[in-house]
Amino acid sequence: MLRNILFSMMFFITNLYADNTIGLIENSNGSWDITYTSEETFSGFQFNVDGAEIGNAYGGDAAASGFLINANGNTVLGFSLTGATIAAGSGTLLVMDLDGMPTGLSNIVIADPSGNAIDFVYDSGVVNGCTDMNACNYDSDATADDGSCDYGTMCWDGSY
């Protein structure tokens, strides 16, 4: 039980600090959205697309903010020559046409308006946890079972 409480506390603390994220979402037309959630305003970005080559990068909040977007090989770079920024919040950063199936994003650099790096992490969309509804520690948010299911003789809520 103590192990489960500690695991829950670690999960809660990790989620407190994972608010600056970028992710990949496949569109039905073959393009991919780069999504973001940011607690801070930012003025530039660069990242690599793992497992695919970028044919084109365009649109999203980056284009709406007047950013110049450059894609070469598997690297995307976006910034503004006029000092434009993207406000804190969430949305679609840009859209990409890719050659190949991306496996993730890496070498993520997001800059604040002063040019300082903001910590961002790649959000794969996978939430690890116990996916068995019969386990004491079932996690309804989990999308991938991580082997942590606990089948104790008595669950925390008093059920058996």
N, C-alpha and C. Protein backbone atom coordinates (compact mmCIF):
# COMPACT_ATOMS: atom_id res chain seq x y z
N MET A 1 0.82 -1.18 0.00
CA MET A 1 0.00 0.00 0.00
C MET A 1 0.87 1.25 0.00
N LEU A 2 1.92 1.26 0.81
CA LEU A 2 2.82 2.41 0.85
C LEU A 2 3.43 2.66 -0.53
N ARG A 3 3.76 1.56 -1.24
CA ARG A 3 4.30 1.68 -2.60
C ARG A 3 3.30 2.40 -3.51
N ASN A 4 2.02 2.05 -3.39
CA ASN A 4 0.99 2.67 -4.22
C ASN A 4 0.81 4.15 -3.90
N ILE A 5 0.88 4.49 -2.62
CA ILE A 5 0.76 5.89 -2.22
C ILE A 5 1.95 6.68 -2.76
N LEU A 6 3.16 6.13 -2.62
CA LEU A 6 4.34 6.81 -3.14
C LEU A 6 4.27 6.97 -4.65
N PHE A 7 3.81 5.92 -5.36
CA PHE A 7 3.66 5.99 -6.82
C PHE A 7 2.68 7.10 -7.18
N SER A 8 1.56 7.17 -6.47
CA SER A 8 0.55 8.19 -6.74
C SER A 8 1.11 9.59 -6.50
N MET A 9 1.89 9.76 -5.43
CA MET A 9 2.49 11.06 -5.14
C MET A 9 3.49 11.45 -6.22
N MET A 10 4.31 10.49 -6.68
CA MET A 10 5.28 10.78 -7.74
C MET A 10 4.56 11.16 -9.03
N PHE A 11 3.46 10.47 -9.37
CA PHE A 11 2.69 10.77 -10.57
C PHE A 11 2.12 12.18 -10.46
N PHE A 12 1.58 12.56 -9.31
CA PHE A 12 1.01 13.89 -9.10
C PHE A 12 2.08 14.96 -9.23
N ILE A 13 3.23 14.77 -8.60
CA ILE A 13 4.31 15.75 -8.67
C ILE A 13 4.85 15.86 -10.08
N THR A 14 5.01 14.76 -10.79
CA THR A 14 5.48 14.79 -12.17
C THR A 14 4.52 15.58 -13.04
N ASN A 15 3.22 15.39 -12.85
CA ASN A 15 2.25 16.12 -13.65
C ASN A 15 2.24 17.60 -13.35
N LEU A 16 2.64 18.00 -12.15
CA LEU A 16 2.70 19.42 -11.82
C LEU A 16 3.74 20.14 -12.68
N TYR A 17 4.81 19.44 -13.04
CA TYR A 17 5.90 20.07 -13.75
C TYR A 17 5.93 19.73 -15.24
N ALA A 18 4.94 19.05 -15.76
CA ALA A 18 4.93 18.65 -17.17
C ALA A 18 3.91 19.47 -17.96
N ASP A 19 3.78 20.75 -17.64
CA ASP A 19 2.76 21.56 -18.28
C ASP A 19 3.21 22.17 -19.60
N ASN A 20 4.49 22.23 -19.88
CA ASN A 20 4.99 22.75 -21.15
C ASN A 20 5.31 21.56 -22.06
N THR A 21 4.41 21.30 -23.00
CA THR A 21 4.57 20.12 -23.84
C THR A 21 4.31 20.44 -25.31
N ILE A 22 4.90 19.63 -26.18
CA ILE A 22 4.52 19.62 -27.59
C ILE A 22 4.28 18.17 -27.98
N GLY A 23 3.36 17.98 -28.91
CA GLY A 23 3.01 16.62 -29.31
C GLY A 23 2.68 16.55 -30.79
N LEU A 24 2.45 15.34 -31.25
CA LEU A 24 2.11 15.04 -32.65
C LEU A 24 0.72 14.44 -32.73
N ILE A 25 -0.08 14.94 -33.65
CA ILE A 25 -1.40 14.34 -33.90
C ILE A 25 -1.56 14.16 -35.40
N GLU A 26 -1.86 12.93 -35.81
CA GLU A 26 -2.06 12.64 -37.23
C GLU A 26 -3.43 13.14 -37.67
N ASN A 27 -3.47 13.83 -38.78
CA ASN A 27 -4.73 14.29 -39.37
C ASN A 27 -5.22 13.26 -40.38
N SER A 28 -6.47 13.30 -40.70
CA SER A 28 -7.04 12.32 -41.63
C SER A 28 -6.57 12.55 -43.07
N ASN A 29 -5.98 13.70 -43.36
CA ASN A 29 -5.54 14.00 -44.73
C ASN A 29 -4.06 13.69 -44.95
N GLY A 30 -3.40 13.04 -44.00
CA GLY A 30 -2.00 12.68 -44.15
C GLY A 30 -1.03 13.68 -43.56
N SER A 31 -1.52 14.85 -43.14
CA SER A 31 -0.64 15.82 -42.50
C SER A 31 -0.63 15.56 -40.99
N TRP A 32 0.27 16.22 -40.30
CA TRP A 32 0.42 16.05 -38.85
C TRP A 32 0.38 17.42 -38.18
N ASP A 33 -0.39 17.54 -37.10
CA ASP A 33 -0.38 18.75 -36.29
C ASP A 33 0.69 18.62 -35.22
N ILE A 34 1.40 19.71 -34.99
CA ILE A 34 2.26 19.83 -33.82
C ILE A 34 1.45 20.64 -32.82
N THR A 35 1.09 20.02 -31.71
CA THR A 35 0.31 20.68 -30.68
C THR A 35 1.22 21.19 -29.57
N TYR A 36 0.74 22.15 -28.82
CA TYR A 36 1.52 22.66 -27.70
C TYR A 36 0.61 23.03 -26.55
N THR A 37 1.16 22.97 -25.37
CA THR A 37 0.57 23.52 -24.15
C THR A 37 1.71 24.23 -23.45
N SER A 38 1.53 25.51 -23.18
CA SER A 38 2.60 26.29 -22.58
C SER A 38 2.06 27.19 -21.48
N GLU A 39 2.78 27.24 -20.39
CA GLU A 39 2.43 28.15 -19.30
C GLU A 39 3.04 29.53 -19.53
N GLU A 40 3.89 29.66 -20.53
CA GLU A 40 4.59 30.93 -20.77
C GLU A 40 4.46 31.34 -22.23
N THR A 41 4.52 32.65 -22.45
CA THR A 41 4.59 33.19 -23.81
C THR A 41 5.93 32.78 -24.39
N PHE A 42 5.96 32.43 -25.69
CA PHE A 42 7.23 32.09 -26.31
C PHE A 42 7.38 32.76 -27.66
N SER A 43 8.65 32.89 -28.08
CA SER A 43 8.96 33.68 -29.29
C SER A 43 9.72 32.90 -30.34
N GLY A 44 10.00 31.65 -30.11
CA GLY A 44 10.71 30.85 -31.09
C GLY A 44 10.75 29.40 -30.68
N PHE A 45 11.00 28.54 -31.68
CA PHE A 45 11.04 27.10 -31.40
C PHE A 45 11.91 26.40 -32.44
N GLN A 46 12.42 25.27 -32.02
CA GLN A 46 13.15 24.36 -32.91
C GLN A 46 13.01 22.96 -32.35
N PHE A 47 12.83 21.98 -33.23
CA PHE A 47 12.76 20.59 -32.80
C PHE A 47 13.01 19.69 -33.99
N ASN A 48 13.33 18.43 -33.69
CA ASN A 48 13.50 17.41 -34.72
C ASN A 48 12.30 16.48 -34.71
N VAL A 49 11.92 16.02 -35.88
CA VAL A 49 10.89 14.99 -36.03
C VAL A 49 11.63 13.67 -36.20
N ASP A 50 11.44 12.76 -35.27
CA ASP A 50 12.12 11.47 -35.31
C ASP A 50 11.38 10.52 -36.24
N GLY A 51 12.11 9.83 -37.10
CA GLY A 51 11.54 8.79 -37.94
C GLY A 51 10.90 9.26 -39.24
N ALA A 52 10.98 10.55 -39.55
CA ALA A 52 10.34 11.05 -40.78
C ALA A 52 11.08 12.28 -41.29
N GLU A 53 10.94 12.53 -42.57
CA GLU A 53 11.46 13.75 -43.20
C GLU A 53 10.30 14.72 -43.38
N ILE A 54 10.58 15.99 -43.21
CA ILE A 54 9.55 17.02 -43.33
C ILE A 54 9.50 17.52 -44.76
N GLY A 55 8.34 17.40 -45.39
CA GLY A 55 8.15 17.94 -46.72
C GLY A 55 7.80 19.41 -46.68
N ASN A 56 6.97 19.78 -45.71
CA ASN A 56 6.52 21.16 -45.60
C ASN A 56 6.03 21.39 -44.17
N ALA A 57 6.20 22.60 -43.66
CA ALA A 57 5.69 22.99 -42.35
C ALA A 57 5.03 24.35 -42.52
N TYR A 58 3.82 24.49 -42.00
CA TYR A 58 3.04 25.70 -42.27
C TYR A 58 1.90 25.83 -41.27
N GLY A 59 1.25 26.97 -41.28
CA GLY A 59 0.00 27.19 -40.57
C GLY A 59 0.11 27.22 -39.07
N GLY A 60 -1.01 26.94 -38.43
CA GLY A 60 -1.10 26.93 -36.98
C GLY A 60 -0.90 28.29 -36.37
N ASP A 61 -0.69 28.30 -35.05
CA ASP A 61 -0.50 29.55 -34.33
C ASP A 61 0.81 30.23 -34.70
N ALA A 62 1.79 29.45 -35.16
CA ALA A 62 3.06 30.06 -35.59
C ALA A 62 2.83 30.96 -36.79
N ALA A 63 2.13 30.48 -37.79
CA ALA A 63 1.85 31.30 -38.98
C ALA A 63 0.92 32.46 -38.63
N ALA A 64 -0.09 32.21 -37.79
CA ALA A 64 -1.02 33.27 -37.40
C ALA A 64 -0.31 34.40 -36.64
N SER A 65 0.80 34.07 -35.98
CA SER A 65 1.57 35.07 -35.24
C SER A 65 2.64 35.73 -36.11
N GLY A 66 2.72 35.34 -37.37
CA GLY A 66 3.70 35.94 -38.27
C GLY A 66 5.09 35.34 -38.19
N PHE A 67 5.21 34.15 -37.63
CA PHE A 67 6.51 33.50 -37.53
C PHE A 67 6.99 33.06 -38.91
N LEU A 68 8.29 33.11 -39.10
CA LEU A 68 8.91 32.47 -40.25
C LEU A 68 9.10 31.01 -39.86
N ILE A 69 8.69 30.10 -40.72
CA ILE A 69 8.79 28.67 -40.43
C ILE A 69 9.69 28.05 -41.48
N ASN A 70 10.75 27.38 -41.04
CA ASN A 70 11.69 26.73 -41.95
C ASN A 70 11.78 25.26 -41.58
N ALA A 71 11.64 24.40 -42.58
CA ALA A 71 11.76 22.96 -42.38
C ALA A 71 12.83 22.43 -43.32
N ASN A 72 13.77 21.68 -42.78
CA ASN A 72 14.85 21.13 -43.58
C ASN A 72 15.20 19.74 -43.03
N GLY A 73 15.04 18.72 -43.84
CA GLY A 73 15.33 17.35 -43.37
C GLY A 73 14.32 16.95 -42.33
N ASN A 74 14.79 16.79 -41.10
CA ASN A 74 13.88 16.44 -40.02
C ASN A 74 13.82 17.53 -38.94
N THR A 75 14.29 18.74 -39.26
CA THR A 75 14.33 19.84 -38.30
C THR A 75 13.38 20.96 -38.71
N VAL A 76 12.66 21.49 -37.74
CA VAL A 76 11.77 22.64 -37.94
C VAL A 76 12.27 23.77 -37.05
N LEU A 77 12.26 24.97 -37.60
CA LEU A 77 12.67 26.17 -36.89
C LEU A 77 11.61 27.23 -37.13
N GLY A 78 11.19 27.92 -36.07
CA GLY A 78 10.22 28.99 -36.21
C GLY A 78 10.57 30.15 -35.31
N PHE A 79 10.46 31.37 -35.85
CA PHE A 79 10.76 32.57 -35.08
C PHE A 79 10.17 33.78 -35.80
N SER A 80 10.21 34.92 -35.14
CA SER A 80 9.69 36.15 -35.72
C SER A 80 10.81 37.18 -35.82
N LEU A 81 10.85 37.90 -36.93
CA LEU A 81 11.81 39.00 -37.09
C LEU A 81 11.27 40.30 -36.50
N THR A 82 9.98 40.32 -36.16
CA THR A 82 9.35 41.53 -35.63
C THR A 82 9.12 41.49 -34.14
N GLY A 83 9.51 40.41 -33.48
CA GLY A 83 9.30 40.29 -32.04
C GLY A 83 7.95 39.70 -31.66
N ALA A 84 7.22 39.14 -32.63
CA ALA A 84 5.93 38.52 -32.34
C ALA A 84 6.12 37.32 -31.41
N THR A 85 5.08 37.01 -30.66
CA THR A 85 5.12 35.90 -29.72
C THR A 85 3.85 35.06 -29.85
N ILE A 86 3.91 33.90 -29.23
CA ILE A 86 2.73 33.04 -29.09
C ILE A 86 2.40 33.03 -27.61
N ALA A 87 1.17 33.41 -27.29
CA ALA A 87 0.75 33.54 -25.89
C ALA A 87 0.68 32.19 -25.19
N ALA A 88 0.82 32.25 -23.88
CA ALA A 88 0.65 31.05 -23.07
C ALA A 88 -0.73 30.45 -23.36
N GLY A 89 -0.81 29.15 -23.33
CA GLY A 89 -2.07 28.46 -23.62
C GLY A 89 -1.79 27.19 -24.38
N SER A 90 -2.74 26.77 -25.19
CA SER A 90 -2.55 25.55 -25.96
C SER A 90 -3.22 25.70 -27.32
N GLY A 91 -2.76 24.86 -28.25
CA GLY A 91 -3.32 24.90 -29.59
C GLY A 91 -2.46 24.12 -30.56
N THR A 92 -2.62 24.43 -31.84
CA THR A 92 -1.81 23.83 -32.89
C THR A 92 -0.70 24.79 -33.24
N LEU A 93 0.53 24.39 -33.00
CA LEU A 93 1.68 25.24 -33.29
C LEU A 93 1.87 25.38 -34.79
N LEU A 94 1.83 24.26 -35.50
CA LEU A 94 1.96 24.26 -36.95
C LEU A 94 1.50 22.92 -37.50
N VAL A 95 1.46 22.82 -38.80
CA VAL A 95 1.06 21.60 -39.49
C VAL A 95 2.23 21.17 -40.35
N MET A 96 2.47 19.86 -40.47
CA MET A 96 3.57 19.35 -41.28
C MET A 96 3.09 18.28 -42.24
N ASP A 97 3.67 18.27 -43.42
CA ASP A 97 3.52 17.16 -44.35
C ASP A 97 4.81 16.35 -44.21
N LEU A 98 4.68 15.06 -43.92
CA LEU A 98 5.84 14.23 -43.62
C LEU A 98 5.99 13.10 -44.61
N ASP A 99 7.24 12.70 -44.82
CA ASP A 99 7.56 11.51 -45.58
C ASP A 99 8.06 10.48 -44.57
N GLY A 100 7.22 9.50 -44.27
CA GLY A 100 7.55 8.50 -43.26
C GLY A 100 6.62 8.64 -42.07
N MET A 101 6.76 7.71 -41.14
CA MET A 101 5.93 7.69 -39.94
C MET A 101 6.74 8.21 -38.75
N PRO A 102 6.36 9.37 -38.20
CA PRO A 102 7.13 9.91 -37.08
C PRO A 102 6.99 9.06 -35.82
N THR A 103 8.07 8.99 -35.06
CA THR A 103 8.06 8.24 -33.81
C THR A 103 8.12 9.15 -32.60
N GLY A 104 8.31 10.44 -32.82
CA GLY A 104 8.38 11.39 -31.71
C GLY A 104 9.04 12.68 -32.13
N LEU A 105 9.24 13.55 -31.16
CA LEU A 105 9.93 14.81 -31.35
C LEU A 105 11.09 14.85 -30.37
N SER A 106 12.22 15.39 -30.81
CA SER A 106 13.39 15.45 -29.94
C SER A 106 14.13 16.77 -30.14
N ASN A 107 15.15 16.98 -29.34
CA ASN A 107 15.97 18.21 -29.39
C ASN A 107 15.07 19.45 -29.39
N ILE A 108 14.12 19.46 -28.49
CA ILE A 108 13.12 20.53 -28.40
C ILE A 108 13.74 21.75 -27.73
N VAL A 109 13.69 22.88 -28.43
CA VAL A 109 14.15 24.16 -27.88
C VAL A 109 13.02 25.17 -28.09
N ILE A 110 12.49 25.71 -27.01
CA ILE A 110 11.47 26.74 -27.05
C ILE A 110 12.05 27.94 -26.29
N ALA A 111 11.93 29.14 -26.88
CA ALA A 111 12.54 30.32 -26.27
C ALA A 111 11.49 31.33 -25.84
N ASP A 112 11.74 31.98 -24.70
CA ASP A 112 10.87 33.06 -24.27
C ASP A 112 11.25 34.34 -25.03
N PRO A 113 10.51 35.42 -24.86
CA PRO A 113 10.81 36.65 -25.62
C PRO A 113 12.20 37.23 -25.39
N SER A 114 12.86 36.84 -24.32
CA SER A 114 14.23 37.31 -24.07
C SER A 114 15.28 36.36 -24.63
N GLY A 115 14.84 35.27 -25.24
CA GLY A 115 15.76 34.30 -25.82
C GLY A 115 16.19 33.20 -24.87
N ASN A 116 15.63 33.18 -23.66
CA ASN A 116 15.95 32.14 -22.69
C ASN A 116 15.14 30.88 -22.98
N ALA A 117 15.77 29.74 -22.77
CA ALA A 117 15.11 28.46 -23.01
C ALA A 117 14.01 28.23 -21.98
N ILE A 118 12.89 27.68 -22.46
CA ILE A 118 11.80 27.25 -21.60
C ILE A 118 11.78 25.72 -21.67
N ASP A 119 11.71 25.08 -20.52
CA ASP A 119 11.68 23.61 -20.50
C ASP A 119 10.38 23.10 -21.10
N PHE A 120 10.51 22.31 -22.15
CA PHE A 120 9.38 21.65 -22.80
C PHE A 120 9.70 20.17 -22.92
N VAL A 121 8.67 19.34 -22.90
CA VAL A 121 8.84 17.91 -23.10
C VAL A 121 7.89 17.44 -24.20
N TYR A 122 8.26 16.35 -24.82
CA TYR A 122 7.41 15.73 -25.84
C TYR A 122 6.31 14.95 -25.16
N ASP A 123 5.08 15.19 -25.55
CA ASP A 123 3.92 14.46 -25.03
C ASP A 123 3.49 13.46 -26.09
N SER A 124 3.76 12.19 -25.85
CA SER A 124 3.44 11.15 -26.83
C SER A 124 1.95 10.81 -26.85
N GLY A 125 1.21 11.34 -25.89
CA GLY A 125 -0.20 11.02 -25.79
C GLY A 125 -0.45 9.74 -25.03
N VAL A 126 0.61 9.01 -24.68
CA VAL A 126 0.48 7.76 -23.94
C VAL A 126 0.50 8.07 -22.45
N VAL A 127 -0.48 7.55 -21.73
CA VAL A 127 -0.53 7.69 -20.28
C VAL A 127 -0.37 6.29 -19.70
N ASN A 128 0.77 6.04 -19.06
CA ASN A 128 1.03 4.74 -18.46
C ASN A 128 0.29 4.60 -17.14
N GLY A 129 -0.16 3.41 -16.86
CA GLY A 129 -0.84 3.14 -15.60
C GLY A 129 -1.51 1.79 -15.65
N CYS A 130 -2.32 1.52 -14.66
CA CYS A 130 -3.04 0.25 -14.59
C CYS A 130 -4.34 0.38 -15.37
N THR A 131 -4.52 -0.48 -16.39
CA THR A 131 -5.70 -0.41 -17.25
C THR A 131 -6.74 -1.49 -16.93
N ASP A 132 -6.50 -2.29 -15.89
CA ASP A 132 -7.44 -3.36 -15.52
C ASP A 132 -8.45 -2.82 -14.51
N MET A 133 -9.70 -2.76 -14.91
CA MET A 133 -10.75 -2.21 -14.05
C MET A 133 -10.95 -3.02 -12.78
N ASN A 134 -10.45 -4.26 -12.74
CA ASN A 134 -10.59 -5.10 -11.55
C ASN A 134 -9.49 -4.87 -10.53
N ALA A 135 -8.49 -4.10 -10.86
CA ALA A 135 -7.38 -3.84 -9.95
C ALA A 135 -7.73 -2.73 -8.97
N CYS A 136 -7.09 -2.75 -7.82
CA CYS A 136 -7.33 -1.72 -6.80
C CYS A 136 -6.88 -0.34 -7.27
N ASN A 137 -5.86 -0.30 -8.09
CA ASN A 137 -5.30 0.98 -8.53
C ASN A 137 -5.60 1.26 -10.00
N TYR A 138 -6.77 0.83 -10.48
CA TYR A 138 -7.18 1.10 -11.86
C TYR A 138 -7.10 2.60 -12.14
N ASP A 139 -6.54 2.95 -13.29
CA ASP A 139 -6.40 4.36 -13.69
C ASP A 139 -7.22 4.58 -14.96
N SER A 140 -8.33 5.27 -14.84
CA SER A 140 -9.21 5.48 -16.00
C SER A 140 -8.57 6.37 -17.05
N ASP A 141 -7.52 7.11 -16.69
CA ASP A 141 -6.81 7.95 -17.66
C ASP A 141 -5.73 7.20 -18.42
N ALA A 142 -5.35 6.02 -17.94
CA ALA A 142 -4.25 5.26 -18.56
C ALA A 142 -4.65 4.76 -19.94
N THR A 143 -3.71 4.88 -20.88
CA THR A 143 -3.91 4.36 -22.23
C THR A 143 -2.99 3.18 -22.52
N ALA A 144 -2.01 2.95 -21.66
CA ALA A 144 -1.07 1.82 -21.82
C ALA A 144 -0.80 1.21 -20.45
N ASP A 145 -0.97 -0.10 -20.36
CA ASP A 145 -0.73 -0.77 -19.09
C ASP A 145 0.77 -0.85 -18.81
N ASP A 146 1.17 -0.40 -17.63
CA ASP A 146 2.59 -0.40 -17.27
C ASP A 146 2.97 -1.51 -16.30
N GLY A 147 2.05 -2.46 -16.07
CA GLY A 147 2.35 -3.58 -15.19
C GLY A 147 2.24 -3.26 -13.72
N SER A 148 1.66 -2.13 -13.36
CA SER A 148 1.60 -1.72 -11.96
C SER A 148 0.31 -2.13 -11.25
N CYS A 149 -0.57 -2.87 -11.92
CA CYS A 149 -1.86 -3.22 -11.32
C CYS A 149 -1.67 -3.96 -10.01
N ASP A 150 -2.45 -3.56 -9.00
CA ASP A 150 -2.38 -4.14 -7.66
C ASP A 150 -3.70 -4.86 -7.39
N TYR A 151 -3.60 -6.15 -7.07
CA TYR A 151 -4.78 -6.95 -6.81
C TYR A 151 -4.79 -7.37 -5.34
N GLY A 152 -4.61 -6.41 -4.46
CA GLY A 152 -4.58 -6.69 -3.02
C GLY A 152 -5.86 -7.33 -2.56
N THR A 153 -5.81 -7.89 -1.36
CA THR A 153 -6.99 -8.55 -0.83
C THR A 153 -8.08 -7.55 -0.46
N MET A 154 -7.68 -6.30 -0.22
CA MET A 154 -8.66 -5.26 0.09
C MET A 154 -8.19 -3.95 -0.54
N CYS A 155 -9.01 -3.39 -1.36
CA CYS A 155 -8.65 -2.13 -2.02
C CYS A 155 -8.81 -0.95 -1.07
N TRP A 156 -8.23 0.18 -1.42
CA TRP A 156 -8.25 1.37 -0.58
C TRP A 156 -9.64 1.82 -0.22
N ASP A 157 -10.59 1.61 -1.12
CA ASP A 157 -11.96 2.07 -0.86
C ASP A 157 -12.76 1.06 -0.03
N GLY A 158 -12.11 -0.01 0.40
CA GLY A 158 -12.78 -1.00 1.24
C GLY A 158 -13.41 -2.14 0.46
N SER A 159 -13.40 -2.08 -0.89
CA SER A 159 -13.98 -3.18 -1.67
C SER A 159 -12.98 -4.33 -1.73
N TYR A 160 -13.49 -5.50 -2.13
CA TYR A 160 -12.64 -6.70 -2.19
C TYR A 160 -12.45 -7.13 -3.60
